[in-house]
Amino acid sequence: MDQVILGKTEIKVNKNGFGALPIQRVEKKEAVYLLQKAFYNGINYFDTARAYSDSEEKMGAAFSYTREKIIISTKTAAQDADGFWKDLEESLRTLKTDYIDIYQFHNPAFCPRPGDGSGLYDAAQKAKEQGKIRHIGITNHRIKVAREAIQSGLYETLQFPFSYLSSEEDLKIVEECKEAGMGFIAMKGLAGGLIRNSAAIYAYMAQPQFAHVAPIWGIQRECELDEFLSYQACPPVLDEKKRAEIEKDREQLTGEFCRGCGYCMPCPAGIEINSCARMSLMLRRAPQKEWLSPEWQEKMKKIEECLHCGQCMEKCPYGLNTPELLKKNYEDYKTFF
């Protein structure tokens, strides 16, 4: 079973990490079953966030008796010290633990530093001194903030989007983390569902140059968990067939496309931007019936109500012209009827 050491933290985790964002969408009993099945089959790293509704609560229910045998990371999106402490105490309560292994700032628009006026990093340092958190990390979608975090020397881990669709600049971030002895946690390995062949991305991540990369896979269904567990026993090989599929995906998806991260949300007009802005890609990469349902027709029609307020563009970490993407996707969507 492949393992990864998260930089200077010296934390050793399974190369299969469990991303717990999706379990907020399933019943508590089902979520606990998935989490415990993952643990009893060798997965020891579980990532969640205060912002993921009841995900932490479900993890707490699953692991209160096996806490010392797993690694938990969670996140705060607080903007100040008061918010930080409120989030931390709530996370400790819902996770049923007295410490967090890796506590991460959740996609901040800046790199928190000691004495910067926000009080965030100072609070994290104090929490670490108190033993409530063991390591300070940061997550981000912005190359600029990620690079600042690496260069600052303040952070022990970085969680950043990484897949075979990543740009050259993204790949530099991966390498810079390695050089800095900083743990690299890869989110969005399946590019928000656009990558359909999990064996291909698993084999890609298993290459020697990515030995320091710890992927976390968003898991909602038992079949998804079983898929990744099967790769532990029979690791996929990056053969010519998988390489060809990777190149095909790169040709279709590299560049200006919505990653589905959701940081543009909520939309004041009620548009489900993170799905609607990439509908054209989903129609061509997943069974069409699901996306052509009456429910999705109504969701796409909401694009007509776009206020052109620009809020989504301001919040997009990839600098996309979201209103234009929505318009193009809607026009393409209508050609299917």
C-alpha atoms as a PDB file:
ATOM      1  CA  MET A   1       0.000   0.000   0.000  1.00  0.00           C
ATOM      2  CA  ASP A   2       1.588   3.289  -1.121  1.00  0.00           C
ATOM      3  CA  GLN A   3       2.090   5.905   1.564  1.00  0.00           C
ATOM      4  CA  VAL A   4       3.030   9.574   1.531  1.00  0.00           C
ATOM      5  CA  ILE A   5       4.949  11.597   4.112  1.00  0.00           C
ATOM      6  CA  LEU A   6       3.469  15.086   4.361  1.00  0.00           C
ATOM      7  CA  GLY A   7       6.709  17.051   4.324  1.00  0.00           C
ATOM      8  CA  LYS A   8       8.156  18.276   7.589  1.00  0.00           C
ATOM      9  CA  THR A   9       5.054  17.238   9.511  1.00  0.00           C
ATOM     10  CA  GLU A  10       6.379  13.666   9.169  1.00  0.00           C
ATOM     11  CA  ILE A  11       2.745  12.533   9.070  1.00  0.00           C
ATOM     12  CA  LYS A  12       2.440   9.319   7.070  1.00  0.00           C
ATOM     13  CA  VAL A  13      -0.809   8.850   5.160  1.00  0.00           C
ATOM     14  CA  ASN A  14      -2.207   6.360   2.696  1.00  0.00           C
ATOM     15  CA  LYS A  15      -1.892   7.536  -0.913  1.00  0.00           C
ATOM     16  CA  ASN A  16      -5.691   7.139  -0.968  1.00  0.00           C
ATOM     17  CA  GLY A  17      -7.122  10.040   1.047  1.00  0.00           C
ATOM     18  CA  PHE A  18     -10.843  10.418   1.777  1.00  0.00           C
ATOM     19  CA  GLY A  19     -12.333  13.775   0.793  1.00  0.00           C
ATOM     20  CA  ALA A  20     -15.400  14.178   3.004  1.00  0.00           C
ATOM     21  CA  LEU A  21     -17.158  17.069   1.256  1.00  0.00           C
ATOM     22  CA  PRO A  22     -19.610  14.739  -0.592  1.00  0.00           C
ATOM     23  CA  ILE A  23     -20.786  12.880   2.520  1.00  0.00           C
ATOM     24  CA  GLN A  24     -22.816  15.924   3.507  1.00  0.00           C
ATOM     25  CA  ARG A  25     -25.208  14.821   0.738  1.00  0.00           C
ATOM     26  CA  VAL A  26     -25.992  11.383   2.201  1.00  0.00           C
ATOM     27  CA  GLU A  27     -27.772  10.166   5.320  1.00  0.00           C
ATOM     28  CA  LYS A  28     -25.711   9.959   8.512  1.00  0.00           C
ATOM     29  CA  LYS A  29     -25.943   6.161   8.732  1.00  0.00           C
ATOM     30  CA  GLU A  30     -24.665   5.790   5.164  1.00  0.00           C
ATOM     31  CA  ALA A  31     -21.866   8.319   5.708  1.00  0.00           C
ATOM     32  CA  VAL A  32     -20.667   6.557   8.859  1.00  0.00           C
ATOM     33  CA  TYR A  33     -20.675   3.239   7.012  1.00  0.00           C
ATOM     34  CA  LEU A  34     -18.561   4.672   4.163  1.00  0.00           C
ATOM     35  CA  LEU A  35     -16.074   6.316   6.523  1.00  0.00           C
ATOM     36  CA  GLN A  36     -15.626   3.210   8.646  1.00  0.00           C
ATOM     37  CA  LYS A  37     -15.343   0.947   5.616  1.00  0.00           C
ATOM     38  CA  ALA A  38     -12.597   3.219   4.269  1.00  0.00           C
ATOM     39  CA  PHE A  39     -10.745   3.061   7.597  1.00  0.00           C
ATOM     40  CA  TYR A  40     -11.012  -0.717   7.958  1.00  0.00           C
ATOM     41  CA  ASN A  41      -9.635  -1.088   4.432  1.00  0.00           C
ATOM     42  CA  GLY A  42      -6.493   0.933   5.084  1.00  0.00           C
ATOM     43  CA  ILE A  43      -7.415   4.579   4.467  1.00  0.00           C
ATOM     44  CA  ASN A  44      -6.119   6.657   7.372  1.00  0.00           C
ATOM     45  CA  TYR A  45      -6.441  10.260   6.153  1.00  0.00           C
ATOM     46  CA  PHE A  46      -9.772  12.091   6.144  1.00  0.00           C
ATOM     47  CA  ASP A  47     -10.263  15.709   5.074  1.00  0.00           C
ATOM     48  CA  THR A  48     -13.281  17.871   5.828  1.00  0.00           C
ATOM     49  CA  ALA A  49     -14.178  21.509   6.583  1.00  0.00           C
ATOM     50  CA  ARG A  50     -16.385  23.579   8.838  1.00  0.00           C
ATOM     51  CA  ALA A  51     -18.115  24.802   5.669  1.00  0.00           C
ATOM     52  CA  TYR A  52     -19.185  21.286   4.619  1.00  0.00           C
ATOM     53  CA  SER A  53     -22.463  21.434   6.601  1.00  0.00           C
ATOM     54  CA  ASP A  54     -22.649  18.209   8.701  1.00  0.00           C
ATOM     55  CA  SER A  55     -19.573  16.447   7.297  1.00  0.00           C
ATOM     56  CA  GLU A  56     -17.599  16.948  10.519  1.00  0.00           C
ATOM     57  CA  GLU A  57     -20.479  15.627  12.605  1.00  0.00           C
ATOM     58  CA  LYS A  58     -20.616  12.448  10.519  1.00  0.00           C
ATOM     59  CA  MET A  59     -16.867  11.967  10.862  1.00  0.00           C
ATOM     60  CA  GLY A  60     -17.144  12.419  14.607  1.00  0.00           C
ATOM     61  CA  ALA A  61     -19.801   9.718  14.747  1.00  0.00           C
ATOM     62  CA  ALA A  62     -17.633   7.358  12.700  1.00  0.00           C
ATOM     63  CA  PHE A  63     -14.295   7.798  14.454  1.00  0.00           C
ATOM     64  CA  SER A  64     -14.810   8.704  18.104  1.00  0.00           C
ATOM     65  CA  TYR A  65     -13.407   5.294  19.139  1.00  0.00           C
ATOM     66  CA  THR A  66     -10.575   5.096  16.596  1.00  0.00           C
ATOM     67  CA  ARG A  67      -9.366   8.698  16.736  1.00  0.00           C
ATOM     68  CA  GLU A  68      -5.712   7.947  17.480  1.00  0.00           C
ATOM     69  CA  LYS A  69      -5.446   5.696  14.422  1.00  0.00           C
ATOM     70  CA  ILE A  70      -6.428   8.305  11.826  1.00  0.00           C
ATOM     71  CA  ILE A  71      -5.302  11.674  10.523  1.00  0.00           C
ATOM     72  CA  ILE A  72      -7.946  14.396  10.345  1.00  0.00           C
ATOM     73  CA  SER A  73      -7.652  17.713   8.565  1.00  0.00           C
ATOM     74  CA  THR A  74     -10.363  20.315   8.604  1.00  0.00           C
ATOM     75  CA  LYS A  75     -10.637  23.977   7.610  1.00  0.00           C
ATOM     76  CA  THR A  76     -11.792  27.388   8.717  1.00  0.00           C
ATOM     77  CA  ALA A  77     -12.977  30.126   6.385  1.00  0.00           C
ATOM     78  CA  ALA A  78     -12.908  32.671   9.226  1.00  0.00           C
ATOM     79  CA  GLN A  79     -11.865  36.216   8.422  1.00  0.00           C
ATOM     80  CA  ASP A  80     -10.685  37.181  11.905  1.00  0.00           C
ATOM     81  CA  ALA A  81      -9.467  35.704  15.192  1.00  0.00           C
ATOM     82  CA  ASP A  82     -12.918  35.573  16.788  1.00  0.00           C
ATOM     83  CA  GLY A  83     -14.238  33.599  13.827  1.00  0.00           C
ATOM     84  CA  PHE A  84     -11.191  31.330  13.965  1.00  0.00           C
ATOM     85  CA  TRP A  85     -11.778  30.346  17.599  1.00  0.00           C
ATOM     86  CA  LYS A  86     -15.489  29.870  17.041  1.00  0.00           C
ATOM     87  CA  ASP A  87     -14.831  27.546  14.083  1.00  0.00           C
ATOM     88  CA  LEU A  88     -12.096  25.614  15.859  1.00  0.00           C
ATOM     89  CA  GLU A  89     -14.167  24.941  18.970  1.00  0.00           C
ATOM     90  CA  GLU A  90     -17.143  23.876  16.853  1.00  0.00           C
ATOM     91  CA  SER A  91     -14.935  21.539  14.791  1.00  0.00           C
ATOM     92  CA  LEU A  92     -13.495  19.949  17.918  1.00  0.00           C
ATOM     93  CA  ARG A  93     -17.005  19.442  19.284  1.00  0.00           C
ATOM     94  CA  THR A  94     -18.534  17.964  16.139  1.00  0.00           C
ATOM     95  CA  LEU A  95     -15.512  15.781  15.358  1.00  0.00           C
ATOM     96  CA  LYS A  96     -15.567  14.512  18.972  1.00  0.00           C
ATOM     97  CA  THR A  97     -11.868  15.093  19.439  1.00  0.00           C
ATOM     98  CA  ASP A  98      -9.597  17.353  21.460  1.00  0.00           C
ATOM     99  CA  TYR A  99      -7.132  18.024  18.647  1.00  0.00           C
ATOM    100  CA  ILE A 100      -6.977  18.465  14.875  1.00  0.00           C
ATOM    101  CA  ASP A 101      -3.980  16.967  13.073  1.00  0.00           C
ATOM    102  CA  ILE A 102      -3.904  19.579  10.280  1.00  0.00           C
ATOM    103  CA  TYR A 103      -5.926  22.772  10.634  1.00  0.00           C
ATOM    104  CA  GLN A 104      -6.158  24.683   7.365  1.00  0.00           C
ATOM    105  CA  PHE A 105      -7.156  28.185   6.314  1.00  0.00           C
ATOM    106  CA  HIS A 106      -9.888  27.545   3.740  1.00  0.00           C
ATOM    107  CA  ASN A 107      -9.104  29.221   0.405  1.00  0.00           C
ATOM    108  CA  PRO A 108      -8.334  32.707   1.750  1.00  0.00           C
ATOM    109  CA  ALA A 109      -7.888  35.544  -0.766  1.00  0.00           C
ATOM    110  CA  PHE A 110      -4.594  36.394   0.960  1.00  0.00           C
ATOM    111  CA  CYS A 111      -1.844  34.538   2.790  1.00  0.00           C
ATOM    112  CA  PRO A 112      -2.399  34.956   6.564  1.00  0.00           C
ATOM    113  CA  ARG A 113       0.767  35.972   8.402  1.00  0.00           C
ATOM    114  CA  PRO A 114       1.657  36.836  11.997  1.00  0.00           C
ATOM    115  CA  GLY A 115       0.798  40.423  12.827  1.00  0.00           C
ATOM    116  CA  ASP A 116      -1.019  41.110   9.547  1.00  0.00           C
ATOM    117  CA  GLY A 117      -4.039  42.616  11.298  1.00  0.00           C
ATOM    118  CA  SER A 118      -6.411  39.724  10.650  1.00  0.00           C
ATOM    119  CA  GLY A 119      -5.261  37.829  13.731  1.00  0.00           C
ATOM    120  CA  LEU A 120      -5.744  34.526  11.900  1.00  0.00           C
ATOM    121  CA  TYR A 121      -2.209  33.172  11.912  1.00  0.00           C
ATOM    122  CA  ASP A 122      -1.591  34.440  15.446  1.00  0.00           C
ATOM    123  CA  ALA A 123      -4.680  32.519  16.586  1.00  0.00           C
ATOM    124  CA  ALA A 124      -3.472  29.374  14.803  1.00  0.00           C
ATOM    125  CA  GLN A 125      -0.110  29.625  16.529  1.00  0.00           C
ATOM    126  CA  LYS A 126      -1.804  29.946  19.909  1.00  0.00           C
ATOM    127  CA  ALA A 127      -4.083  26.982  19.170  1.00  0.00           C
ATOM    128  CA  LYS A 128      -1.015  24.948  18.248  1.00  0.00           C
ATOM    129  CA  GLU A 129       0.702  25.922  21.502  1.00  0.00           C
ATOM    130  CA  GLN A 130      -2.432  24.782  23.347  1.00  0.00           C
ATOM    131  CA  GLY A 131      -2.342  21.415  21.583  1.00  0.00           C
ATOM    132  CA  LYS A 132      -5.701  21.944  19.888  1.00  0.00           C
ATOM    133  CA  ILE A 133      -4.083  21.737  16.462  1.00  0.00           C
ATOM    134  CA  ARG A 134      -0.863  19.950  15.581  1.00  0.00           C
ATOM    135  CA  HIS A 135       0.005  21.442  12.203  1.00  0.00           C
ATOM    136  CA  ILE A 136      -0.974  24.632  10.369  1.00  0.00           C
ATOM    137  CA  GLY A 137      -1.980  24.302   6.723  1.00  0.00           C
ATOM    138  CA  ILE A 138      -3.633  26.316   3.996  1.00  0.00           C
ATOM    139  CA  THR A 139      -5.833  25.469   1.012  1.00  0.00           C
ATOM    140  CA  ASN A 140      -6.138  27.571  -2.113  1.00  0.00           C
ATOM    141  CA  HIS A 141      -7.102  27.701  -5.765  1.00  0.00           C
ATOM    142  CA  ARG A 142      -4.988  30.777  -6.531  1.00  0.00           C
ATOM    143  CA  ILE A 143      -1.399  30.292  -7.696  1.00  0.00           C
ATOM    144  CA  LYS A 144      -0.356  33.650  -6.247  1.00  0.00           C
ATOM    145  CA  VAL A 145      -1.602  32.870  -2.732  1.00  0.00           C
ATOM    146  CA  ALA A 146      -0.284  29.289  -2.895  1.00  0.00           C
ATOM    147  CA  ARG A 147       3.168  30.526  -3.861  1.00  0.00           C
ATOM    148  CA  GLU A 148       3.151  33.133  -1.089  1.00  0.00           C
ATOM    149  CA  ALA A 149       2.266  30.422   1.408  1.00  0.00           C
ATOM    150  CA  ILE A 150       5.143  28.225   0.238  1.00  0.00           C
ATOM    151  CA  GLN A 151       7.658  31.058   0.256  1.00  0.00           C
ATOM    152  CA  SER A 152       6.551  32.324   3.662  1.00  0.00           C
ATOM    153  CA  GLY A 153       7.766  29.195   5.433  1.00  0.00           C
ATOM    154  CA  LEU A 154       4.791  29.539   7.778  1.00  0.00           C
ATOM    155  CA  TYR A 155       2.769  26.571   6.588  1.00  0.00           C
ATOM    156  CA  GLU A 156       3.368  22.853   6.923  1.00  0.00           C
ATOM    157  CA  THR A 157       0.897  21.731   4.245  1.00  0.00           C
ATOM    158  CA  LEU A 158      -0.740  23.123   1.116  1.00  0.00           C
ATOM    159  CA  GLN A 159      -3.967  21.735  -0.333  1.00  0.00           C
ATOM    160  CA  PHE A 160      -4.222  22.701  -3.995  1.00  0.00           C
ATOM    161  CA  PRO A 161      -6.054  21.450  -7.128  1.00  0.00           C
ATOM    162  CA  PHE A 162      -3.942  18.911  -9.002  1.00  0.00           C
ATOM    163  CA  SER A 163      -4.631  16.448 -11.805  1.00  0.00           C
ATOM    164  CA  TYR A 164      -3.286  15.661 -15.244  1.00  0.00           C
ATOM    165  CA  LEU A 165      -5.190  18.733 -16.457  1.00  0.00           C
ATOM    166  CA  SER A 166      -3.015  21.002 -14.332  1.00  0.00           C
ATOM    167  CA  SER A 167      -1.067  23.767 -16.032  1.00  0.00           C
ATOM    168  CA  GLU A 168       2.700  24.151 -16.031  1.00  0.00           C
ATOM    169  CA  GLU A 169       2.332  26.806 -13.325  1.00  0.00           C
ATOM    170  CA  ASP A 170       0.344  24.357 -11.200  1.00  0.00           C
ATOM    171  CA  LEU A 171       3.066  21.741 -11.631  1.00  0.00           C
ATOM    172  CA  LYS A 172       5.627  24.285 -10.413  1.00  0.00           C
ATOM    173  CA  ILE A 173       3.611  24.668  -7.211  1.00  0.00           C
ATOM    174  CA  VAL A 174       3.761  20.892  -6.684  1.00  0.00           C
ATOM    175  CA  GLU A 175       7.543  20.915  -7.134  1.00  0.00           C
ATOM    176  CA  GLU A 176       8.057  24.005  -4.963  1.00  0.00           C
ATOM    177  CA  CYS A 177       6.227  22.299  -2.101  1.00  0.00           C
ATOM    178  CA  LYS A 178       8.566  19.344  -2.405  1.00  0.00           C
ATOM    179  CA  GLU A 179      11.635  21.585  -2.361  1.00  0.00           C
ATOM    180  CA  ALA A 180      10.324  23.465   0.675  1.00  0.00           C
ATOM    181  CA  GLY A 181       9.574  20.278   2.605  1.00  0.00           C
ATOM    182  CA  MET A 182       5.905  21.212   2.658  1.00  0.00           C
ATOM    183  CA  GLY A 183       3.215  18.548   2.525  1.00  0.00           C
ATOM    184  CA  PHE A 184       1.233  18.660  -0.723  1.00  0.00           C
ATOM    185  CA  ILE A 185      -2.418  17.558  -0.544  1.00  0.00           C
ATOM    186  CA  ALA A 186      -4.036  17.209  -3.966  1.00  0.00           C
ATOM    187  CA  MET A 187      -7.703  18.148  -4.246  1.00  0.00           C
ATOM    188  CA  LYS A 188      -9.873  18.090  -7.375  1.00  0.00           C
ATOM    189  CA  GLY A 189      -8.025  15.032  -8.709  1.00  0.00           C
ATOM    190  CA  LEU A 190     -11.017  14.216 -10.908  1.00  0.00           C
ATOM    191  CA  ALA A 191     -11.391  17.874 -11.935  1.00  0.00           C
ATOM    192  CA  GLY A 192     -14.834  18.099 -10.394  1.00  0.00           C
ATOM    193  CA  GLY A 193     -16.103  15.091 -12.338  1.00  0.00           C
ATOM    194  CA  LEU A 194     -14.700  16.006 -15.750  1.00  0.00           C
ATOM    195  CA  ILE A 195     -12.089  13.253 -15.539  1.00  0.00           C
ATOM    196  CA  ARG A 196     -14.070  10.033 -15.952  1.00  0.00           C
ATOM    197  CA  ASN A 197     -11.308   7.425 -15.715  1.00  0.00           C
ATOM    198  CA  SER A 198     -10.216   7.214 -12.077  1.00  0.00           C
ATOM    199  CA  ALA A 199      -7.665   4.511 -12.919  1.00  0.00           C
ATOM    200  CA  ALA A 200      -5.893   6.913 -15.269  1.00  0.00           C
ATOM    201  CA  ILE A 201      -5.570   9.711 -12.717  1.00  0.00           C
ATOM    202  CA  TYR A 202      -4.619   7.227  -9.987  1.00  0.00           C
ATOM    203  CA  ALA A 203      -1.809   5.860 -12.166  1.00  0.00           C
ATOM    204  CA  TYR A 204      -0.747   9.404 -13.065  1.00  0.00           C
ATOM    205  CA  MET A 205      -0.496  10.394  -9.381  1.00  0.00           C
ATOM    206  CA  ALA A 206       1.517   7.241  -8.651  1.00  0.00           C
ATOM    207  CA  GLN A 207       4.438   8.345 -10.842  1.00  0.00           C
ATOM    208  CA  PRO A 208       7.770   8.715  -8.965  1.00  0.00           C
ATOM    209  CA  GLN A 209       7.890  12.516  -9.393  1.00  0.00           C
ATOM    210  CA  PHE A 210       4.638  12.738  -7.425  1.00  0.00           C
ATOM    211  CA  ALA A 211       5.677  10.458  -4.567  1.00  0.00           C
ATOM    212  CA  HIS A 212       5.188  13.395  -2.166  1.00  0.00           C
ATOM    213  CA  VAL A 213       1.631  14.100  -3.394  1.00  0.00           C
ATOM    214  CA  ALA A 214      -1.256  12.961  -1.164  1.00  0.00           C
ATOM    215  CA  PRO A 215      -4.504  12.845  -3.180  1.00  0.00           C
ATOM    216  CA  ILE A 216      -7.876  13.116  -1.468  1.00  0.00           C
ATOM    217  CA  TRP A 217     -10.781  11.720  -3.475  1.00  0.00           C
ATOM    218  CA  GLY A 218     -14.271  13.095  -2.930  1.00  0.00           C
ATOM    219  CA  ILE A 219     -16.394  10.038  -2.056  1.00  0.00           C
ATOM    220  CA  GLN A 220     -20.172   9.877  -1.809  1.00  0.00           C
ATOM    221  CA  ARG A 221     -21.102   6.351  -2.915  1.00  0.00           C
ATOM    222  CA  GLU A 222     -19.859   2.918  -1.929  1.00  0.00           C
ATOM    223  CA  CYS A 223     -19.063   2.076  -5.558  1.00  0.00           C
ATOM    224  CA  GLU A 224     -16.697   5.066  -5.670  1.00  0.00           C
ATOM    225  CA  LEU A 225     -14.971   3.947  -2.489  1.00  0.00           C
ATOM    226  CA  ASP A 226     -14.678   0.387  -3.775  1.00  0.00           C
ATOM    227  CA  GLU A 227     -13.098   1.682  -6.965  1.00  0.00           C
ATOM    228  CA  PHE A 228     -10.290   3.435  -5.105  1.00  0.00           C
ATOM    229  CA  LEU A 229      -9.848   0.613  -2.612  1.00  0.00           C
ATOM    230  CA  SER A 230      -9.385  -1.825  -5.496  1.00  0.00           C
ATOM    231  CA  TYR A 231      -6.414   0.215  -6.710  1.00  0.00           C
ATOM    232  CA  GLN A 232      -4.595  -0.484  -3.454  1.00  0.00           C
ATOM    233  CA  ALA A 233      -4.588  -4.203  -4.172  1.00  0.00           C
ATOM    234  CA  CYS A 234      -4.096  -3.874  -7.951  1.00  0.00           C
ATOM    235  CA  PRO A 235      -2.520  -0.479  -8.731  1.00  0.00           C
ATOM    236  CA  PRO A 236      -3.364   0.751 -12.261  1.00  0.00           C
ATOM    237  CA  VAL A 237      -0.433   0.994 -14.657  1.00  0.00           C
ATOM    238  CA  LEU A 238       0.119   4.105 -16.751  1.00  0.00           C
ATOM    239  CA  ASP A 239       0.117   2.187 -20.018  1.00  0.00           C
ATOM    240  CA  GLU A 240      -0.252   3.497 -23.555  1.00  0.00           C
ATOM    241  CA  LYS A 241      -4.043   3.272 -23.476  1.00  0.00           C
ATOM    242  CA  LYS A 242      -4.263   5.444 -20.349  1.00  0.00           C
ATOM    243  CA  ARG A 243      -1.684   7.877 -21.722  1.00  0.00           C
ATOM    244  CA  ALA A 244      -3.764   8.265 -24.879  1.00  0.00           C
ATOM    245  CA  GLU A 245      -6.884   8.974 -22.826  1.00  0.00           C
ATOM    246  CA  ILE A 246      -4.988  11.544 -20.759  1.00  0.00           C
ATOM    247  CA  GLU A 247      -3.831  13.326 -23.900  1.00  0.00           C
ATOM    248  CA  LYS A 248      -7.371  13.332 -25.266  1.00  0.00           C
ATOM    249  CA  ASP A 249      -8.675  14.862 -22.040  1.00  0.00           C
ATOM    250  CA  ARG A 250      -5.961  17.494 -22.116  1.00  0.00           C
ATOM    251  CA  GLU A 251      -6.859  18.475 -25.656  1.00  0.00           C
ATOM    252  CA  GLN A 252     -10.523  18.896 -24.705  1.00  0.00           C
ATOM    253  CA  LEU A 253     -10.228  20.426 -21.272  1.00  0.00           C
ATOM    254  CA  THR A 254      -7.051  22.442 -20.873  1.00  0.00           C
ATOM    255  CA  GLY A 255      -7.658  26.196 -20.754  1.00  0.00           C
ATOM    256  CA  GLU A 256     -10.748  28.292 -20.082  1.00  0.00           C
ATOM    257  CA  PHE A 257     -13.212  25.934 -18.432  1.00  0.00           C
ATOM    258  CA  CYS A 258     -15.115  25.919 -15.148  1.00  0.00           C
ATOM    259  CA  ARG A 259     -13.579  23.565 -12.565  1.00  0.00           C
ATOM    260  CA  GLY A 260     -16.775  23.463 -10.502  1.00  0.00           C
ATOM    261  CA  CYS A 261     -15.087  24.653  -7.295  1.00  0.00           C
ATOM    262  CA  GLY A 262     -18.162  26.675  -6.297  1.00  0.00           C
ATOM    263  CA  TYR A 263     -16.375  29.737  -4.920  1.00  0.00           C
ATOM    264  CA  CYS A 264     -18.502  31.906  -7.227  1.00  0.00           C
ATOM    265  CA  MET A 265     -21.579  30.863  -5.278  1.00  0.00           C
ATOM    266  CA  PRO A 266     -24.139  31.843  -4.166  1.00  0.00           C
ATOM    267  CA  CYS A 267     -25.487  33.640  -7.224  1.00  0.00           C
ATOM    268  CA  PRO A 268     -27.900  36.513  -6.449  1.00  0.00           C
ATOM    269  CA  ALA A 269     -30.043  35.368  -9.385  1.00  0.00           C
ATOM    270  CA  GLY A 270     -30.161  31.794  -8.092  1.00  0.00           C
ATOM    271  CA  ILE A 271     -28.100  30.302 -10.954  1.00  0.00           C
ATOM    272  CA  GLU A 272     -26.202  27.112 -10.094  1.00  0.00           C
ATOM    273  CA  ILE A 273     -23.091  28.535 -11.705  1.00  0.00           C
ATOM    274  CA  ASN A 274     -20.623  25.787 -10.820  1.00  0.00           C
ATOM    275  CA  SER A 275     -22.693  23.248 -12.780  1.00  0.00           C
ATOM    276  CA  CYS A 276     -24.299  25.390 -15.477  1.00  0.00           C
ATOM    277  CA  ALA A 277     -21.023  27.023 -16.561  1.00  0.00           C
ATOM    278  CA  ARG A 278     -19.589  23.674 -17.592  1.00  0.00           C
ATOM    279  CA  MET A 279     -22.707  21.952 -18.881  1.00  0.00           C
ATOM    280  CA  SER A 280     -21.323  21.555 -22.410  1.00  0.00           C
ATOM    281  CA  LEU A 281     -18.417  19.532 -21.074  1.00  0.00           C
ATOM    282  CA  MET A 282     -20.603  17.406 -18.834  1.00  0.00           C
ATOM    283  CA  LEU A 283     -22.994  16.586 -21.665  1.00  0.00           C
ATOM    284  CA  ARG A 284     -20.125  15.198 -23.681  1.00  0.00           C
ATOM    285  CA  ARG A 285     -18.425  13.350 -20.839  1.00  0.00           C
ATOM    286  CA  ALA A 286     -21.302  11.792 -18.882  1.00  0.00           C
ATOM    287  CA  PRO A 287     -24.603  10.098 -19.678  1.00  0.00           C
ATOM    288  CA  GLN A 288     -26.768  12.813 -21.259  1.00  0.00           C
ATOM    289  CA  LYS A 289     -30.103  11.706 -19.799  1.00  0.00           C
ATOM    290  CA  GLU A 290     -29.200  12.992 -16.356  1.00  0.00           C
ATOM    291  CA  TRP A 291     -28.322  16.486 -17.594  1.00  0.00           C
ATOM    292  CA  LEU A 292     -31.327  16.792 -19.930  1.00  0.00           C
ATOM    293  CA  SER A 293     -33.965  16.189 -17.282  1.00  0.00           C
ATOM    294  CA  PRO A 294     -36.758  18.734 -16.660  1.00  0.00           C
ATOM    295  CA  GLU A 295     -35.009  19.704 -13.423  1.00  0.00           C
ATOM    296  CA  TRP A 296     -31.787  20.600 -15.236  1.00  0.00           C
ATOM    297  CA  GLN A 297     -33.677  22.351 -18.015  1.00  0.00           C
ATOM    298  CA  GLU A 298     -35.130  24.671 -15.383  1.00  0.00           C
ATOM    299  CA  LYS A 299     -31.704  25.227 -13.825  1.00  0.00           C
ATOM    300  CA  MET A 300     -30.188  26.121 -17.196  1.00  0.00           C
ATOM    301  CA  LYS A 301     -33.115  28.425 -18.024  1.00  0.00           C
ATOM    302  CA  LYS A 302     -32.218  30.451 -14.915  1.00  0.00           C
ATOM    303  CA  ILE A 303     -29.224  31.733 -16.901  1.00  0.00           C
ATOM    304  CA  GLU A 304     -31.684  34.015 -18.705  1.00  0.00           C
ATOM    305  CA  GLU A 305     -32.107  35.833 -15.377  1.00  0.00           C
ATOM    306  CA  CYS A 306     -28.382  36.655 -15.027  1.00  0.00           C
ATOM    307  CA  LEU A 307     -28.011  40.147 -13.493  1.00  0.00           C
ATOM    308  CA  HIS A 308     -24.541  40.687 -14.999  1.00  0.00           C
ATOM    309  CA  CYS A 309     -23.500  41.960 -11.580  1.00  0.00           C
ATOM    310  CA  GLY A 310     -19.973  40.601 -11.959  1.00  0.00           C
ATOM    311  CA  GLN A 311     -19.838  39.024  -8.500  1.00  0.00           C
ATOM    312  CA  CYS A 312     -19.023  35.578  -9.896  1.00  0.00           C
ATOM    313  CA  MET A 313     -16.121  36.963 -11.928  1.00  0.00           C
ATOM    314  CA  GLU A 314     -14.710  38.733  -8.893  1.00  0.00           C
ATOM    315  CA  LYS A 315     -14.848  35.559  -6.806  1.00  0.00           C
ATOM    316  CA  CYS A 316     -13.566  33.102  -9.451  1.00  0.00           C
ATOM    317  CA  PRO A 317     -10.054  31.967  -8.399  1.00  0.00           C
ATOM    318  CA  TYR A 318      -9.290  31.128 -12.047  1.00  0.00           C
ATOM    319  CA  GLY A 319     -10.197  34.565 -13.405  1.00  0.00           C
ATOM    320  CA  LEU A 320     -12.862  33.213 -15.753  1.00  0.00           C
ATOM    321  CA  ASN A 321     -15.439  35.347 -17.550  1.00  0.00           C
ATOM    322  CA  THR A 322     -18.234  33.416 -15.894  1.00  0.00           C
ATOM    323  CA  PRO A 323     -21.220  35.259 -17.436  1.00  0.00           C
ATOM    324  CA  GLU A 324     -19.827  34.597 -20.906  1.00  0.00           C
ATOM    325  CA  LEU A 325     -19.262  30.926 -20.043  1.00  0.00           C
ATOM    326  CA  LEU A 326     -22.846  30.658 -18.810  1.00  0.00           C
ATOM    327  CA  LYS A 327     -24.166  32.218 -22.007  1.00  0.00           C
ATOM    328  CA  LYS A 328     -22.148  29.884 -24.257  1.00  0.00           C
ATOM    329  CA  ASN A 329     -23.151  26.813 -22.264  1.00  0.00           C
ATOM    330  CA  TYR A 330     -26.816  27.766 -22.367  1.00  0.00           C
ATOM    331  CA  GLU A 331     -26.783  28.297 -26.134  1.00  0.00           C
ATOM    332  CA  ASP A 332     -25.100  24.912 -26.590  1.00  0.00           C
ATOM    333  CA  TYR A 333     -27.516  23.246 -24.167  1.00  0.00           C
ATOM    334  CA  LYS A 334     -30.534  24.374 -26.224  1.00  0.00           C
ATOM    335  CA  THR A 335     -29.193  22.568 -29.307  1.00  0.00           C
ATOM    336  CA  PHE A 336     -29.887  19.223 -27.568  1.00  0.00           C
ATOM    337  CA  PHE A 337     -33.650  19.754 -27.825  1.00  0.00           C
END
